[in-house]
Amino acid sequence: MSLMNNRKSLIAATVAALFVLIIFGSITFNGNGKIDAAREKTPQFQYVITKNAIKKNDVIKEEDVEIKMSPVEIGGTYKATGEVVGRKAKIDIEVGKPLVKAFVQEIKIKEEPKEGIKPQEGFRAIPVLIKKSSLPPYISLDDRFDLATKDNSMIIENLKILNILDPTRDDANKMLILEIKSEDVPTFIKYQVATKGFVFLQKNKEDIGKYRFIDIKKQEIEKIKNYGPITEGDIPSSLPPIESIKDNYNQIPDIQSTGFVAPKKGKQVEVIVGSSKTKMEFDD
């Protein structure tokens, strides 16, 4: 009887143990699922991490860095290896460190001074806006050109271009900075406003000379002024005044005074041959 009771107790204990194991396993499974789901919902941040130790002033190579993901956001870090490769380290950097901007030297763009960017003494820099499509391909900063207005009002010989800029975002126009002599600036601005456009003429290097500003329109006006009104002195002396010719017809040269003698007319005889008539003239 006692043996039977022991067996029953053992079976009951085994069943209870299995029940507890099942419940515990269910709780553990659900807990892990919740943890995984929580991890999936947590935002991940990308960083550049050092794979190798980098010493100060060493150039960072592609094999020295890699990309890692982290749930923790760190400010001022690089997100792509291309941002640091080829640049120098400011300090010694250990393995596994995220690369922040304080660790890497900044890129310094060395701007070379452009030749002739400032006008020479006695000249001024004048901007001119020109359509990119109208700009000749031979325009550059290291040559001199002749600049003429399309209405032929002005020409500048041996002109120097100080700079060529892109003033608009769409890059449709170009701004040329021209070097104009100070005394020619007012005239240039006048024609710049009035002209229908400019024409740049390329010069042979052998023909390049000194700067020369020619006001063509002004020269034409001066020529007209220099002619002046026509006076009596401008009439050739060989011709008599009109008034004298009116009143003195004897000043008109006679035909006979020139030595020309008109032929005298003789007798005419009409000769009839058949149905045709012919007139023949005989001298006396």
Protein backbone atom coordinates (compact mmCIF):
# COMPACT_ATOMS: atom_id res chain seq x y z
CA MET A 1 0.00 0.00 0.00
CA SER A 2 2.81 2.32 0.82
CA LEU A 3 4.51 1.41 -2.51
CA MET A 4 1.41 2.39 -4.42
CA ASN A 5 1.28 5.71 -2.60
CA ASN A 6 4.96 6.37 -3.43
CA ARG A 7 4.37 5.75 -7.13
CA LYS A 8 1.45 8.13 -7.15
CA SER A 9 3.51 10.77 -5.41
CA LEU A 10 6.38 10.32 -7.91
CA ILE A 11 4.03 10.65 -10.89
CA ALA A 12 2.42 13.76 -9.40
CA ALA A 13 5.83 15.31 -8.78
CA THR A 14 6.98 14.56 -12.33
CA VAL A 15 3.83 16.07 -13.82
CA ALA A 16 4.24 19.17 -11.69
CA ALA A 17 7.86 19.54 -12.72
CA LEU A 18 6.96 19.27 -16.41
CA PHE A 19 4.23 21.85 -15.96
CA VAL A 20 6.60 24.29 -14.31
CA LEU A 21 9.19 23.70 -17.08
CA ILE A 22 6.62 24.38 -19.79
CA ILE A 23 5.49 27.61 -18.13
CA PHE A 24 9.07 28.79 -17.60
CA GLY A 25 10.02 28.01 -21.17
CA SER A 26 7.01 29.91 -22.45
CA ILE A 27 7.93 32.94 -20.37
CA THR A 28 11.55 32.79 -21.55
CA PHE A 29 10.54 32.48 -25.21
CA ASN A 30 8.12 35.38 -25.00
CA GLY A 31 10.70 37.47 -23.16
CA ASN A 32 13.36 36.88 -25.82
CA GLY A 33 10.86 37.76 -28.55
CA LYS A 34 10.05 41.01 -26.84
CA ILE A 35 13.76 41.81 -26.46
CA ASP A 36 14.39 41.10 -30.16
CA ALA A 37 11.43 43.23 -31.17
CA ALA A 38 12.68 46.04 -28.93
CA ARG A 39 16.08 45.80 -30.55
CA GLU A 40 14.54 46.06 -33.99
CA LYS A 41 12.65 49.20 -32.98
CA THR A 42 15.78 50.87 -31.50
CA PRO A 43 17.37 53.29 -34.04
CA GLN A 44 20.83 52.36 -35.28
CA PHE A 45 23.52 54.98 -36.01
CA GLN A 46 26.40 54.56 -38.45
CA TYR A 47 29.95 55.55 -37.51
CA VAL A 48 33.48 55.30 -38.84
CA ILE A 49 35.56 53.16 -36.44
CA THR A 50 39.34 52.65 -36.48
CA LYS A 51 40.49 49.13 -37.36
CA ASN A 52 44.16 49.95 -36.81
CA ALA A 53 45.94 52.30 -34.47
CA ILE A 54 46.71 55.64 -36.16
CA LYS A 55 49.50 57.94 -35.04
CA LYS A 56 49.46 61.71 -35.09
CA ASN A 57 50.09 63.25 -38.57
CA ASP A 58 49.68 59.83 -40.24
CA VAL A 59 47.53 59.78 -43.38
CA ILE A 60 44.38 57.72 -42.78
CA LYS A 61 44.11 54.81 -45.24
CA GLU A 62 41.11 52.78 -46.38
CA GLU A 63 42.30 49.71 -44.44
CA ASP A 64 42.58 51.74 -41.21
CA VAL A 65 38.83 52.35 -40.86
CA GLU A 66 35.49 50.55 -41.13
CA ILE A 67 31.77 51.22 -40.64
CA LYS A 68 29.98 50.14 -37.44
CA MET A 69 26.38 50.47 -36.28
CA SER A 70 25.46 51.60 -32.75
CA PRO A 71 22.21 52.40 -30.91
CA VAL A 72 23.97 55.32 -29.21
CA GLU A 73 24.24 58.59 -31.11
CA ILE A 74 27.59 60.35 -30.82
CA GLY A 75 27.77 63.93 -32.03
CA GLY A 76 30.51 65.16 -34.34
CA THR A 77 31.41 61.74 -35.79
CA TYR A 78 32.10 60.84 -39.42
CA LYS A 79 29.51 58.64 -41.14
CA ALA A 80 31.43 57.54 -44.26
CA THR A 81 35.01 56.39 -44.75
CA GLY A 82 35.38 58.72 -47.74
CA GLU A 83 35.20 61.68 -45.35
CA VAL A 84 38.43 60.69 -43.57
CA VAL A 85 40.52 58.63 -46.00
CA GLY A 86 43.45 60.66 -47.28
CA ARG A 87 43.41 63.12 -44.39
CA LYS A 88 45.87 63.34 -41.49
CA ALA A 89 45.21 62.48 -37.84
CA LYS A 90 45.47 65.32 -35.34
CA ILE A 91 46.27 62.98 -32.43
CA ASP A 92 47.12 59.32 -31.75
CA ILE A 93 43.94 57.25 -32.21
CA GLU A 94 43.51 53.81 -30.67
CA VAL A 95 41.85 50.78 -32.29
CA GLY A 96 38.05 50.67 -32.07
CA LYS A 97 37.58 54.39 -31.52
CA PRO A 98 34.89 56.25 -33.43
CA LEU A 99 36.44 59.00 -35.54
CA VAL A 100 35.17 62.39 -34.46
CA LYS A 101 36.03 65.62 -36.20
CA ALA A 102 38.40 66.64 -33.41
CA PHE A 103 40.64 63.65 -34.31
CA VAL A 104 41.13 64.54 -38.01
CA GLN A 105 42.77 67.57 -39.58
CA GLU A 106 40.53 69.84 -41.63
CA ILE A 107 41.01 70.16 -45.38
CA LYS A 108 42.50 73.53 -46.24
CA ILE A 109 41.87 74.71 -49.77
CA LYS A 110 44.89 76.61 -50.94
CA GLU A 111 43.77 79.36 -53.27
CA GLU A 112 46.48 80.42 -55.66
CA PRO A 113 46.42 84.15 -56.38
CA LYS A 114 45.21 84.76 -59.91
CA GLU A 115 47.50 86.83 -62.09
CA GLY A 116 46.20 90.31 -62.73
CA ILE A 117 43.23 89.98 -60.36
CA LYS A 118 43.82 93.63 -59.36
CA PRO A 119 43.96 96.44 -61.93
CA GLN A 120 47.27 98.17 -62.47
CA GLU A 121 47.86 101.74 -61.43
CA GLY A 122 45.73 104.22 -63.36
CA PHE A 123 43.14 101.58 -64.35
CA ARG A 124 39.81 100.40 -62.92
CA ALA A 125 38.07 97.00 -62.83
CA ILE A 126 34.71 97.09 -64.66
CA PRO A 127 32.23 94.13 -64.65
CA VAL A 128 30.48 93.10 -67.88
CA LEU A 129 27.74 90.45 -67.92
CA ILE A 130 27.77 88.25 -71.05
CA LYS A 131 25.74 85.19 -72.01
CA LYS A 132 27.81 82.04 -71.74
CA SER A 133 26.66 80.95 -75.20
CA SER A 134 27.97 84.24 -76.68
CA LEU A 135 31.40 83.98 -75.07
CA PRO A 136 34.12 82.91 -77.55
CA PRO A 137 36.06 79.77 -76.56
CA TYR A 138 39.39 81.59 -76.88
CA ILE A 139 38.68 84.01 -74.02
CA SER A 140 41.15 83.53 -71.14
CA LEU A 141 43.01 85.46 -68.47
CA ASP A 142 46.50 85.16 -69.93
CA ASP A 143 45.93 87.04 -73.21
CA ARG A 144 44.85 90.44 -74.47
CA PHE A 145 41.96 91.09 -76.82
CA ASP A 146 40.31 93.84 -78.85
CA LEU A 147 36.81 94.69 -77.65
CA ALA A 148 34.37 96.39 -80.06
CA THR A 149 30.73 97.37 -79.73
CA LYS A 150 28.33 95.83 -82.23
CA ASP A 151 27.07 99.30 -83.25
CA ASN A 152 30.67 100.37 -84.03
CA SER A 153 30.67 103.17 -81.47
CA MET A 154 33.83 102.18 -79.58
CA ILE A 155 36.81 99.83 -79.73
CA ILE A 156 39.40 99.00 -77.08
CA GLU A 157 42.67 97.55 -78.30
CA ASN A 158 44.87 95.22 -76.21
CA LEU A 159 42.31 94.86 -73.44
CA LYS A 160 43.12 92.74 -70.39
CA ILE A 161 40.52 90.51 -68.67
CA LEU A 162 41.14 90.41 -64.92
CA ASN A 163 38.71 87.64 -64.00
CA ILE A 164 35.89 85.40 -65.30
CA LEU A 165 33.12 84.58 -62.79
CA ASP A 166 29.86 82.59 -62.64
CA PRO A 167 27.39 85.05 -61.09
CA THR A 168 24.24 82.91 -61.43
CA ARG A 169 23.31 79.49 -60.10
CA ASP A 170 22.23 78.15 -63.48
CA ASP A 171 25.60 79.15 -64.96
CA ALA A 172 23.84 80.73 -67.97
CA ASN A 173 25.91 83.93 -67.84
CA LYS A 174 29.52 84.86 -67.32
CA MET A 175 30.78 87.99 -65.64
CA LEU A 176 33.98 89.38 -67.13
CA ILE A 177 36.04 91.83 -65.10
CA LEU A 178 37.76 94.19 -67.55
CA GLU A 179 40.70 96.51 -66.96
CA ILE A 180 39.73 99.99 -68.25
CA LYS A 181 41.83 103.12 -67.98
CA SER A 182 40.39 105.51 -65.38
CA GLU A 183 39.80 108.38 -67.82
CA ASP A 184 37.93 106.05 -70.22
CA VAL A 185 35.52 104.65 -67.62
CA PRO A 186 32.68 107.23 -68.13
CA THR A 187 32.73 106.77 -71.92
CA PHE A 188 32.87 102.98 -71.59
CA ILE A 189 29.88 102.93 -69.23
CA LYS A 190 27.93 105.19 -71.65
CA TYR A 191 28.46 102.82 -74.56
CA GLN A 192 28.01 99.75 -72.37
CA VAL A 193 24.45 100.88 -71.63
CA ALA A 194 23.65 101.99 -75.20
CA THR A 195 25.28 99.23 -77.25
CA LYS A 196 23.55 96.10 -78.54
CA GLY A 197 26.46 93.99 -77.36
CA PHE A 198 30.22 93.46 -77.45
CA VAL A 199 32.47 91.51 -79.79
CA PHE A 200 35.78 90.09 -78.53
CA LEU A 201 38.47 89.87 -81.19
CA GLN A 202 41.36 87.50 -80.68
CA LYS A 203 44.83 88.93 -81.30
CA ASN A 204 47.96 87.25 -82.55
CA LYS A 205 50.60 87.34 -79.84
CA GLU A 206 52.88 89.21 -82.23
CA ASP A 207 50.25 91.95 -82.63
CA ILE A 208 49.70 92.57 -78.92
CA GLY A 209 50.62 96.14 -78.04
CA LYS A 210 49.62 98.80 -75.56
CA TYR A 211 46.13 99.58 -74.32
CA ARG A 212 44.27 101.99 -76.60
CA PHE A 213 40.71 103.35 -76.26
CA ILE A 214 39.07 104.62 -79.47
CA ASP A 215 35.80 106.57 -79.37
CA ILE A 216 34.68 106.00 -82.96
CA LYS A 217 31.41 107.91 -82.67
CA LYS A 218 33.17 110.95 -81.26
CA GLN A 219 35.71 110.93 -84.10
CA GLU A 220 32.91 110.87 -86.70
CA ILE A 221 31.24 113.87 -85.05
CA GLU A 222 34.54 115.76 -85.02
CA LYS A 223 35.02 115.11 -88.75
CA ILE A 224 31.62 116.61 -89.54
CA LYS A 225 32.42 119.66 -87.42
CA ASN A 226 35.78 120.14 -89.14
CA TYR A 227 34.13 120.30 -92.59
CA GLY A 228 32.11 123.39 -91.65
CA PRO A 229 29.60 125.23 -93.93
CA ILE A 230 30.37 125.70 -97.66
CA THR A 231 31.49 129.28 -98.38
CA GLU A 232 32.09 131.29 -101.60
CA GLY A 233 35.78 130.52 -101.31
CA ASP A 234 35.06 126.79 -101.72
CA ILE A 235 33.71 127.37 -105.29
CA PRO A 236 36.39 126.97 -107.99
CA SER A 237 37.58 130.33 -109.43
CA SER A 238 37.25 129.11 -113.04
CA LEU A 239 33.45 129.12 -112.80
CA PRO A 240 31.68 132.51 -112.92
CA PRO A 241 29.10 133.30 -110.24
CA ILE A 242 25.55 132.27 -111.11
CA GLU A 243 24.31 135.86 -110.84
CA SER A 244 26.85 137.01 -113.46
CA ILE A 245 25.85 134.25 -115.85
CA LYS A 246 22.22 135.33 -115.56
CA ASP A 247 22.92 138.94 -116.47
CA ASN A 248 25.89 138.52 -118.83
CA TYR A 249 25.19 135.86 -121.40
CA ASN A 250 28.26 136.90 -123.34
CA GLN A 251 30.35 135.04 -120.69
CA ILE A 252 29.02 131.77 -121.98
CA PRO A 253 31.65 130.51 -124.46
CA ASP A 254 30.58 130.52 -128.10
CA ILE A 255 30.87 127.35 -130.11
CA GLN A 256 32.98 129.06 -132.78
CA SER A 257 35.39 130.45 -130.17
CA THR A 258 36.41 126.93 -129.28
CA GLY A 259 37.73 126.34 -132.82
CA PHE A 260 34.94 123.98 -133.80
CA VAL A 261 33.41 124.79 -137.26
CA ALA A 262 30.00 123.37 -138.12
CA PRO A 263 29.83 121.81 -141.63
CA LYS A 264 27.95 123.75 -144.32
CA LYS A 265 25.01 122.14 -146.00
CA GLY A 266 25.10 121.58 -149.83
CA LYS A 267 22.39 120.87 -152.47
CA GLN A 268 20.27 117.75 -152.11
CA VAL A 269 19.04 115.65 -155.07
CA GLU A 270 16.40 112.97 -154.76
CA VAL A 271 17.21 109.85 -156.80
CA ILE A 272 14.36 107.40 -157.53
CA VAL A 273 15.30 103.84 -158.39
CA GLY A 274 12.27 101.66 -158.82
CA SER A 275 10.11 102.02 -155.71
CA SER A 276 12.94 103.33 -153.46
CA LYS A 277 13.93 106.94 -152.97
CA THR A 278 17.42 108.13 -151.92
CA LYS A 279 18.57 111.64 -151.10
CA MET A 280 22.10 112.60 -152.15
CA GLU A 281 23.90 115.78 -151.12
CA PHE A 282 26.41 117.61 -153.30
CA ASP A 283 28.80 120.38 -152.25
CA ASP A 284 28.68 123.64 -154.13
